[in-house]
Amino acid sequence: MSSNLHIPKKCQYCGNAFVARTTVTKYCGCKCAKYAYKARKRAEKVQATLKEEMQPEVAIPSSTTAINQKDFLSITEASQLIGVSRWTIQRMIKRGQLKAVPFGRKHIVARYQIESLFN
């Protein structure tokens, strides 16, 4: 569907004058529309980053506080507590640095063993 409208407008990106065929046209061409889109997305990212930096620090997740309450930990929980991978805990068990006891399909580690690593 073509339009018989000829509306003189000014490009919102480059500022050049052009003749628009619709009432909603904002840019003189595809190139200016793409540049404006990229600039808009870049500005949104900058605003999101600034907004994120201005937020107060997030409190410790409740899962971490739950781990701090337990006397016996699974291998995954032990790795989260120390801040290492599960495989590191598995290697420590294999080397004899930690003792794990099978509990059903899981292996559990006593908290005092992990704390003794750092003493």
N, C-alpha and C. Protein backbone atom coordinates (compact mmCIF):
# COMPACT_ATOMS: atom_id res chain seq x y z
N MET A 1 0.85 -1.16 0.00
CA MET A 1 0.00 0.00 0.00
C MET A 1 0.90 1.23 0.00
N SER A 2 0.74 2.08 -0.95
CA SER A 2 1.55 3.28 -1.02
C SER A 2 0.75 4.47 -0.49
N SER A 3 1.47 5.47 -0.12
CA SER A 3 0.84 6.65 0.46
C SER A 3 1.05 7.84 -0.46
N ASN A 4 0.08 8.72 -0.49
CA ASN A 4 0.21 9.94 -1.28
C ASN A 4 0.70 11.09 -0.42
N LEU A 5 1.08 10.77 0.84
CA LEU A 5 1.56 11.79 1.74
C LEU A 5 3.01 12.14 1.43
N HIS A 6 3.34 13.39 1.54
CA HIS A 6 4.71 13.87 1.42
C HIS A 6 4.91 14.86 2.55
N ILE A 7 5.50 14.38 3.64
CA ILE A 7 5.64 15.21 4.83
C ILE A 7 7.11 15.58 5.00
N PRO A 8 7.44 16.85 4.97
CA PRO A 8 8.83 17.23 5.20
C PRO A 8 9.17 17.07 6.69
N LYS A 9 10.25 16.33 6.97
CA LYS A 9 10.66 16.07 8.35
C LYS A 9 12.15 16.22 8.48
N LYS A 10 12.61 16.20 9.73
CA LYS A 10 14.03 16.27 10.04
C LYS A 10 14.41 14.96 10.72
N CYS A 11 15.48 14.31 10.27
CA CYS A 11 15.93 13.04 10.82
C CYS A 11 16.32 13.23 12.28
N GLN A 12 15.83 12.34 13.14
CA GLN A 12 16.12 12.45 14.57
C GLN A 12 17.54 12.02 14.90
N TYR A 13 18.22 11.34 13.99
CA TYR A 13 19.58 10.92 14.26
C TYR A 13 20.61 11.90 13.68
N CYS A 14 20.52 12.13 12.37
CA CYS A 14 21.55 12.96 11.73
C CYS A 14 21.15 14.42 11.57
N GLY A 15 19.85 14.72 11.65
CA GLY A 15 19.39 16.10 11.55
C GLY A 15 19.15 16.59 10.13
N ASN A 16 19.34 15.75 9.14
CA ASN A 16 19.10 16.14 7.76
C ASN A 16 17.61 16.19 7.45
N ALA A 17 17.23 17.05 6.54
CA ALA A 17 15.84 17.15 6.12
C ALA A 17 15.54 16.05 5.10
N PHE A 18 14.33 15.49 5.16
CA PHE A 18 13.90 14.47 4.21
C PHE A 18 12.39 14.53 4.07
N VAL A 19 11.87 13.83 3.10
CA VAL A 19 10.44 13.78 2.86
C VAL A 19 9.94 12.40 3.29
N ALA A 20 9.06 12.40 4.28
CA ALA A 20 8.51 11.15 4.80
C ALA A 20 7.24 10.80 4.07
N ARG A 21 7.00 9.51 3.93
CA ARG A 21 5.79 9.04 3.26
C ARG A 21 4.74 8.59 4.28
N THR A 22 5.12 8.49 5.55
CA THR A 22 4.16 8.14 6.61
C THR A 22 4.31 9.14 7.74
N THR A 23 3.34 9.13 8.63
CA THR A 23 3.35 10.09 9.74
C THR A 23 4.25 9.66 10.88
N VAL A 24 4.65 8.40 10.92
CA VAL A 24 5.45 7.89 12.03
C VAL A 24 6.94 7.76 11.71
N THR A 25 7.37 8.10 10.52
CA THR A 25 8.76 7.99 10.13
C THR A 25 9.60 8.97 10.94
N LYS A 26 10.72 8.46 11.50
CA LYS A 26 11.57 9.30 12.35
C LYS A 26 12.94 9.54 11.74
N TYR A 27 13.37 8.64 10.87
CA TYR A 27 14.74 8.70 10.36
C TYR A 27 14.72 8.80 8.84
N CYS A 28 15.80 9.39 8.30
CA CYS A 28 15.86 9.61 6.86
C CYS A 28 16.10 8.33 6.07
N GLY A 29 16.63 7.32 6.70
CA GLY A 29 16.89 6.09 5.98
C GLY A 29 17.19 4.95 6.93
N CYS A 30 17.46 3.81 6.33
CA CYS A 30 17.73 2.59 7.10
C CYS A 30 19.00 2.73 7.93
N LYS A 31 20.01 3.38 7.37
CA LYS A 31 21.29 3.52 8.05
C LYS A 31 21.13 4.34 9.35
N CYS A 32 20.43 5.45 9.28
CA CYS A 32 20.21 6.28 10.48
C CYS A 32 19.35 5.54 11.50
N ALA A 33 18.38 4.76 11.05
CA ALA A 33 17.53 3.99 11.95
C ALA A 33 18.37 2.96 12.70
N LYS A 34 19.28 2.30 12.00
CA LYS A 34 20.16 1.31 12.64
C LYS A 34 21.10 1.96 13.63
N TYR A 35 21.70 3.09 13.25
CA TYR A 35 22.59 3.79 14.17
C TYR A 35 21.85 4.26 15.41
N ALA A 36 20.64 4.77 15.22
CA ALA A 36 19.84 5.24 16.36
C ALA A 36 19.48 4.08 17.28
N TYR A 37 19.15 2.94 16.70
CA TYR A 37 18.81 1.76 17.49
C TYR A 37 20.01 1.33 18.34
N LYS A 38 21.19 1.29 17.70
CA LYS A 38 22.40 0.90 18.43
C LYS A 38 22.72 1.88 19.55
N ALA A 39 22.56 3.16 19.28
CA ALA A 39 22.81 4.18 20.30
C ALA A 39 21.83 4.04 21.45
N ARG A 40 20.58 3.75 21.13
CA ARG A 40 19.55 3.58 22.16
C ARG A 40 19.85 2.36 23.03
N LYS A 41 20.24 1.25 22.42
CA LYS A 41 20.57 0.04 23.17
C LYS A 41 21.82 0.25 24.03
N ARG A 42 22.81 0.96 23.51
CA ARG A 42 24.02 1.26 24.26
C ARG A 42 23.68 2.10 25.49
N ALA A 43 22.83 3.09 25.32
CA ALA A 43 22.42 3.95 26.43
C ALA A 43 21.64 3.14 27.48
N GLU A 44 20.82 2.20 27.04
CA GLU A 44 20.08 1.35 27.99
C GLU A 44 21.05 0.50 28.81
N LYS A 45 22.08 -0.03 28.18
CA LYS A 45 23.07 -0.83 28.91
C LYS A 45 23.80 0.02 29.94
N VAL A 46 24.17 1.23 29.55
CA VAL A 46 24.87 2.12 30.47
C VAL A 46 23.97 2.45 31.66
N GLN A 47 22.70 2.74 31.39
CA GLN A 47 21.76 3.05 32.48
C GLN A 47 21.57 1.86 33.40
N ALA A 48 21.48 0.66 32.82
CA ALA A 48 21.32 -0.54 33.64
C ALA A 48 22.54 -0.76 34.53
N THR A 49 23.73 -0.52 34.00
CA THR A 49 24.95 -0.67 34.78
C THR A 49 25.02 0.36 35.90
N LEU A 50 24.67 1.59 35.59
CA LEU A 50 24.68 2.63 36.62
C LEU A 50 23.66 2.34 37.70
N LYS A 51 22.50 1.86 37.30
CA LYS A 51 21.45 1.53 38.26
C LYS A 51 21.89 0.38 39.15
N GLU A 52 22.57 -0.61 38.56
CA GLU A 52 23.05 -1.77 39.31
C GLU A 52 24.12 -1.36 40.32
N GLU A 53 25.02 -0.45 39.92
CA GLU A 53 26.07 -0.01 40.81
C GLU A 53 25.53 0.83 41.96
N MET A 54 24.43 1.51 41.74
CA MET A 54 23.85 2.35 42.78
C MET A 54 23.05 1.55 43.80
N GLN A 55 22.71 0.30 43.46
CA GLN A 55 21.94 -0.54 44.37
C GLN A 55 22.80 -0.89 45.57
N PRO A 56 22.20 -0.97 46.77
CA PRO A 56 22.98 -1.42 47.93
C PRO A 56 23.36 -2.88 47.75
N GLU A 57 24.40 -3.29 48.44
CA GLU A 57 24.87 -4.66 48.29
C GLU A 57 23.80 -5.64 48.74
N VAL A 58 23.75 -6.75 48.04
CA VAL A 58 22.75 -7.77 48.30
C VAL A 58 23.14 -8.55 49.55
N ALA A 59 22.16 -8.86 50.36
CA ALA A 59 22.42 -9.64 51.57
C ALA A 59 22.81 -11.07 51.18
N ILE A 60 23.40 -11.77 52.10
CA ILE A 60 23.82 -13.16 51.87
C ILE A 60 22.57 -14.00 51.62
N PRO A 61 22.56 -14.83 50.57
CA PRO A 61 21.40 -15.66 50.30
C PRO A 61 21.10 -16.60 51.47
N SER A 62 19.84 -16.94 51.59
CA SER A 62 19.42 -17.78 52.70
C SER A 62 20.02 -19.18 52.62
N SER A 63 20.36 -19.65 51.41
CA SER A 63 20.96 -20.98 51.28
C SER A 63 22.33 -21.01 51.95
N THR A 64 23.09 -19.91 51.88
CA THR A 64 24.39 -19.85 52.52
C THR A 64 24.24 -19.86 54.03
N THR A 65 23.25 -19.13 54.53
CA THR A 65 23.05 -19.13 55.98
C THR A 65 22.57 -20.49 56.45
N ALA A 66 21.82 -21.22 55.62
CA ALA A 66 21.38 -22.56 55.99
C ALA A 66 22.58 -23.51 56.06
N ILE A 67 23.53 -23.34 55.15
CA ILE A 67 24.73 -24.17 55.15
C ILE A 67 25.53 -23.90 56.42
N ASN A 68 25.58 -22.66 56.86
CA ASN A 68 26.35 -22.31 58.05
C ASN A 68 25.76 -22.93 59.31
N GLN A 69 24.50 -23.33 59.30
CA GLN A 69 23.84 -23.90 60.46
C GLN A 69 24.06 -25.41 60.59
N LYS A 70 24.43 -26.09 59.51
CA LYS A 70 24.50 -27.54 59.50
C LYS A 70 25.81 -28.07 60.06
N ASP A 71 25.73 -29.23 60.74
CA ASP A 71 26.93 -29.90 61.23
C ASP A 71 27.50 -30.88 60.21
N PHE A 72 26.65 -31.43 59.35
CA PHE A 72 27.07 -32.37 58.32
C PHE A 72 26.65 -31.81 56.97
N LEU A 73 27.56 -31.84 56.03
CA LEU A 73 27.32 -31.23 54.72
C LEU A 73 27.50 -32.24 53.61
N SER A 74 26.70 -32.05 52.55
CA SER A 74 26.93 -32.85 51.35
C SER A 74 28.17 -32.30 50.65
N ILE A 75 28.64 -33.00 49.65
CA ILE A 75 29.83 -32.55 48.94
C ILE A 75 29.57 -31.21 48.24
N THR A 76 28.39 -31.06 47.69
CA THR A 76 28.03 -29.80 47.03
C THR A 76 28.00 -28.66 48.03
N GLU A 77 27.40 -28.88 49.19
CA GLU A 77 27.33 -27.84 50.21
C GLU A 77 28.72 -27.50 50.74
N ALA A 78 29.57 -28.52 50.91
CA ALA A 78 30.94 -28.28 51.36
C ALA A 78 31.70 -27.43 50.36
N SER A 79 31.49 -27.71 49.08
CA SER A 79 32.19 -26.94 48.05
C SER A 79 31.70 -25.49 48.04
N GLN A 80 30.40 -25.28 48.26
CA GLN A 80 29.87 -23.92 48.33
C GLN A 80 30.40 -23.18 49.54
N LEU A 81 30.54 -23.88 50.65
CA LEU A 81 31.03 -23.27 51.87
C LEU A 81 32.47 -22.79 51.72
N ILE A 82 33.30 -23.60 51.12
CA ILE A 82 34.71 -23.25 50.95
C ILE A 82 34.90 -22.33 49.75
N GLY A 83 34.07 -22.51 48.73
CA GLY A 83 34.22 -21.71 47.52
C GLY A 83 35.08 -22.39 46.47
N VAL A 84 35.03 -23.71 46.44
CA VAL A 84 35.76 -24.48 45.44
C VAL A 84 34.77 -25.36 44.68
N SER A 85 35.25 -26.06 43.68
CA SER A 85 34.36 -26.92 42.91
C SER A 85 34.11 -28.24 43.65
N ARG A 86 33.07 -28.94 43.22
CA ARG A 86 32.75 -30.25 43.80
C ARG A 86 33.90 -31.22 43.58
N TRP A 87 34.55 -31.09 42.42
CA TRP A 87 35.62 -32.03 42.08
C TRP A 87 36.82 -31.82 42.99
N THR A 88 37.05 -30.62 43.46
CA THR A 88 38.14 -30.38 44.41
C THR A 88 37.86 -31.11 45.71
N ILE A 89 36.62 -31.06 46.17
CA ILE A 89 36.25 -31.77 47.40
C ILE A 89 36.41 -33.27 47.18
N GLN A 90 36.02 -33.77 46.01
CA GLN A 90 36.18 -35.20 45.70
C GLN A 90 37.66 -35.60 45.74
N ARG A 91 38.53 -34.75 45.18
CA ARG A 91 39.97 -35.05 45.20
C ARG A 91 40.51 -35.04 46.63
N MET A 92 40.02 -34.10 47.45
CA MET A 92 40.48 -34.04 48.84
C MET A 92 40.06 -35.29 49.60
N ILE A 93 38.89 -35.81 49.29
CA ILE A 93 38.42 -37.05 49.93
C ILE A 93 39.30 -38.21 49.47
N LYS A 94 39.60 -38.26 48.19
CA LYS A 94 40.41 -39.35 47.64
C LYS A 94 41.83 -39.33 48.22
N ARG A 95 42.41 -38.14 48.44
CA ARG A 95 43.74 -38.00 49.00
C ARG A 95 43.77 -38.24 50.51
N GLY A 96 42.59 -38.24 51.15
CA GLY A 96 42.54 -38.47 52.58
C GLY A 96 42.55 -37.20 53.41
N GLN A 97 42.46 -36.04 52.77
CA GLN A 97 42.43 -34.79 53.51
C GLN A 97 41.08 -34.59 54.21
N LEU A 98 40.03 -35.12 53.62
CA LEU A 98 38.68 -35.08 54.20
C LEU A 98 38.16 -36.49 54.28
N LYS A 99 37.32 -36.75 55.28
CA LYS A 99 36.70 -38.06 55.38
C LYS A 99 35.22 -37.89 55.10
N ALA A 100 34.72 -38.63 54.13
CA ALA A 100 33.31 -38.59 53.77
C ALA A 100 32.69 -39.94 54.09
N VAL A 101 31.46 -39.88 54.57
CA VAL A 101 30.74 -41.10 54.94
C VAL A 101 29.56 -41.25 53.99
N PRO A 102 29.37 -42.45 53.41
CA PRO A 102 28.22 -42.62 52.53
C PRO A 102 26.92 -42.56 53.33
N PHE A 103 25.98 -41.83 52.80
CA PHE A 103 24.68 -41.67 53.44
C PHE A 103 23.63 -41.79 52.33
N GLY A 104 23.13 -43.00 52.13
CA GLY A 104 22.24 -43.24 51.00
C GLY A 104 23.03 -43.13 49.72
N ARG A 105 22.56 -42.29 48.81
CA ARG A 105 23.28 -42.09 47.55
C ARG A 105 24.29 -40.96 47.64
N LYS A 106 24.30 -40.24 48.77
CA LYS A 106 25.20 -39.11 48.95
C LYS A 106 26.37 -39.50 49.84
N HIS A 107 27.36 -38.66 49.83
CA HIS A 107 28.46 -38.73 50.79
C HIS A 107 28.38 -37.45 51.60
N ILE A 108 28.53 -37.56 52.92
CA ILE A 108 28.49 -36.37 53.76
C ILE A 108 29.81 -36.18 54.46
N VAL A 109 30.10 -34.91 54.74
CA VAL A 109 31.35 -34.52 55.37
C VAL A 109 30.99 -33.75 56.63
N ALA A 110 31.70 -34.04 57.71
CA ALA A 110 31.46 -33.32 58.96
C ALA A 110 32.05 -31.91 58.85
N ARG A 111 31.35 -30.94 59.40
CA ARG A 111 31.78 -29.55 59.33
C ARG A 111 33.14 -29.35 60.02
N TYR A 112 33.37 -30.05 61.13
CA TYR A 112 34.63 -29.84 61.87
C TYR A 112 35.84 -30.23 61.04
N GLN A 113 35.66 -31.19 60.10
CA GLN A 113 36.78 -31.56 59.23
C GLN A 113 37.15 -30.42 58.30
N ILE A 114 36.14 -29.75 57.78
CA ILE A 114 36.40 -28.62 56.88
C ILE A 114 37.03 -27.48 57.66
N GLU A 115 36.54 -27.23 58.86
CA GLU A 115 37.11 -26.16 59.67
C GLU A 115 38.55 -26.49 60.09
N SER A 116 38.86 -27.77 60.29
CA SER A 116 40.22 -28.15 60.68
C SER A 116 41.22 -27.96 59.54
N LEU A 117 40.74 -27.90 58.29
CA LEU A 117 41.63 -27.63 57.17
C LEU A 117 42.28 -26.27 57.28
N PHE A 118 41.58 -25.32 57.89
CA PHE A 118 42.06 -23.94 57.94
C PHE A 118 42.72 -23.61 59.26
N ASN A 119 42.84 -24.56 60.15
CA ASN A 119 43.48 -24.32 61.45
C ASN A 119 44.85 -24.94 61.50
